[in-house]
Amino acid sequence: MNNTEGLKKIVNYWIGKATESLKSAEDELKAGRLSFSVNRIYYYSCFYIVSAWLLQNRFKFKKHSGVRSAFHMHIVKPDLINRKYGEFYDELFEARQEEIILNL
């Protein structure tokens, strides 16, 4: 397997995980567990799909803040997606941070 094939396999893996996590978020929401649903939507679904896009474009980050910054710099700012999705990502990121602080 060459580097391109390997990268494609990894990106597809993260896309699959994002899709699976979105389904899990829907299940959590239906069960009335809002905080778990938000966590699944942000951390797993949004974070994974943004990370997959960044990886596909040869960007790598170890921290959520780096992924968030790169998302805005390389996807939102050049208008590759509507800015409302950048705002949504930020809202989910902040909600997750608040949840982490509340559980300390």
Protein backbone atom coordinates (compact mmCIF):
# COMPACT_ATOMS: atom_id res chain seq x y z
CA MET A 1 0.00 0.00 0.00
CA ASN A 2 1.40 3.40 -0.95
CA ASN A 3 1.07 6.61 1.07
CA THR A 4 -1.94 7.82 -0.91
CA GLU A 5 -3.82 4.57 -0.41
CA GLY A 6 -2.94 4.54 3.27
CA LEU A 7 -4.10 8.10 3.73
CA LYS A 8 -7.36 7.38 1.91
CA LYS A 9 -7.97 4.36 4.14
CA ILE A 10 -7.39 6.41 7.29
CA VAL A 11 -9.60 9.27 6.08
CA ASN A 12 -12.40 6.83 5.21
CA TYR A 13 -12.06 5.24 8.64
CA TRP A 14 -12.56 8.64 10.34
CA ILE A 15 -15.50 9.47 8.08
CA GLY A 16 -17.10 6.17 9.09
CA LYS A 17 -16.48 6.92 12.76
CA ALA A 18 -18.05 10.37 12.33
CA THR A 19 -21.15 8.85 10.74
CA GLU A 20 -21.41 6.20 13.46
CA SER A 21 -21.02 8.85 16.15
CA LEU A 22 -23.76 11.00 14.67
CA LYS A 23 -26.13 8.02 14.89
CA SER A 24 -25.06 7.54 18.51
CA ALA A 25 -25.79 11.23 19.20
CA GLU A 26 -29.29 10.81 17.77
CA ASP A 27 -29.86 7.79 20.04
CA GLU A 28 -28.64 9.73 23.09
CA LEU A 29 -30.93 12.64 22.25
CA LYS A 30 -33.93 10.31 21.84
CA ALA A 31 -33.12 8.83 25.25
CA GLY A 32 -33.15 12.33 26.79
CA ARG A 33 -29.43 12.48 27.48
CA LEU A 34 -28.64 15.91 26.02
CA SER A 35 -25.11 16.25 27.43
CA PHE A 36 -24.10 12.88 25.96
CA SER A 37 -25.69 13.84 22.66
CA VAL A 38 -23.75 17.13 22.50
CA ASN A 39 -20.55 15.28 23.37
CA ARG A 40 -21.14 12.75 20.59
CA ILE A 41 -22.04 15.43 18.07
CA TYR A 42 -19.01 17.58 18.80
CA TYR A 43 -16.24 15.32 19.90
CA TYR A 44 -16.95 12.36 17.80
CA SER A 45 -18.91 13.46 14.78
CA CYS A 46 -17.76 17.02 14.06
CA PHE A 47 -14.24 16.58 15.37
CA TYR A 48 -13.73 13.37 13.40
CA ILE A 49 -15.09 14.70 10.11
CA VAL A 50 -13.10 17.95 10.36
CA SER A 51 -10.00 15.97 11.31
CA ALA A 52 -10.55 13.67 8.31
CA TRP A 53 -10.77 16.65 5.95
CA LEU A 54 -7.67 18.24 7.44
CA LEU A 55 -5.75 14.95 7.27
CA GLN A 56 -6.81 14.46 3.66
CA ASN A 57 -5.33 17.88 2.98
CA ARG A 58 -2.12 16.98 4.85
CA PHE A 59 -2.81 18.89 8.07
CA LYS A 60 -2.31 17.10 11.42
CA PHE A 61 -3.13 18.30 14.91
CA LYS A 62 -2.97 16.74 18.35
CA LYS A 63 -5.25 19.11 20.24
CA HIS A 64 -8.87 20.06 19.77
CA SER A 65 -7.91 23.72 19.77
CA GLY A 66 -5.55 23.12 16.83
CA VAL A 67 -8.26 21.34 14.86
CA ARG A 68 -10.71 24.13 15.65
CA SER A 69 -8.25 26.81 14.55
CA ALA A 70 -7.35 24.96 11.35
CA PHE A 71 -11.05 24.36 10.62
CA HIS A 72 -11.66 28.10 10.64
CA MET A 73 -8.45 28.95 8.80
CA HIS A 74 -8.64 26.34 6.04
CA ILE A 75 -12.35 25.60 5.67
CA VAL A 76 -14.55 28.40 7.05
CA LYS A 77 -12.47 31.49 6.20
CA PRO A 78 -11.98 30.56 2.50
CA ASP A 79 -15.76 29.93 2.30
CA LEU A 80 -15.50 26.21 1.58
CA ILE A 81 -18.56 25.88 3.83
CA ASN A 82 -21.14 28.33 5.10
CA ARG A 83 -19.95 30.36 8.09
CA LYS A 84 -22.95 29.21 10.10
CA TYR A 85 -21.27 25.79 10.33
CA GLY A 86 -18.19 27.43 11.79
CA GLU A 87 -20.39 29.06 14.40
CA PHE A 88 -22.12 25.73 15.06
CA TYR A 89 -18.76 24.01 15.52
CA ASP A 90 -17.73 26.71 18.00
CA GLU A 91 -20.99 26.34 19.94
CA LEU A 92 -20.50 22.58 20.20
CA PHE A 93 -16.86 23.05 21.19
CA GLU A 94 -17.84 25.49 23.96
CA ALA A 95 -20.69 23.26 25.17
CA ARG A 96 -18.27 20.36 25.41
CA GLN A 97 -15.76 22.48 27.33
CA GLU A 98 -18.47 23.55 29.76
CA GLU A 99 -19.50 19.91 30.22
CA ILE A 100 -15.90 18.94 31.00
CA ILE A 101 -15.62 21.73 33.59
CA LEU A 102 -18.93 20.78 35.21
CA ASN A 103 -17.82 17.18 35.58
CA LEU A 104 -14.52 18.03 37.34
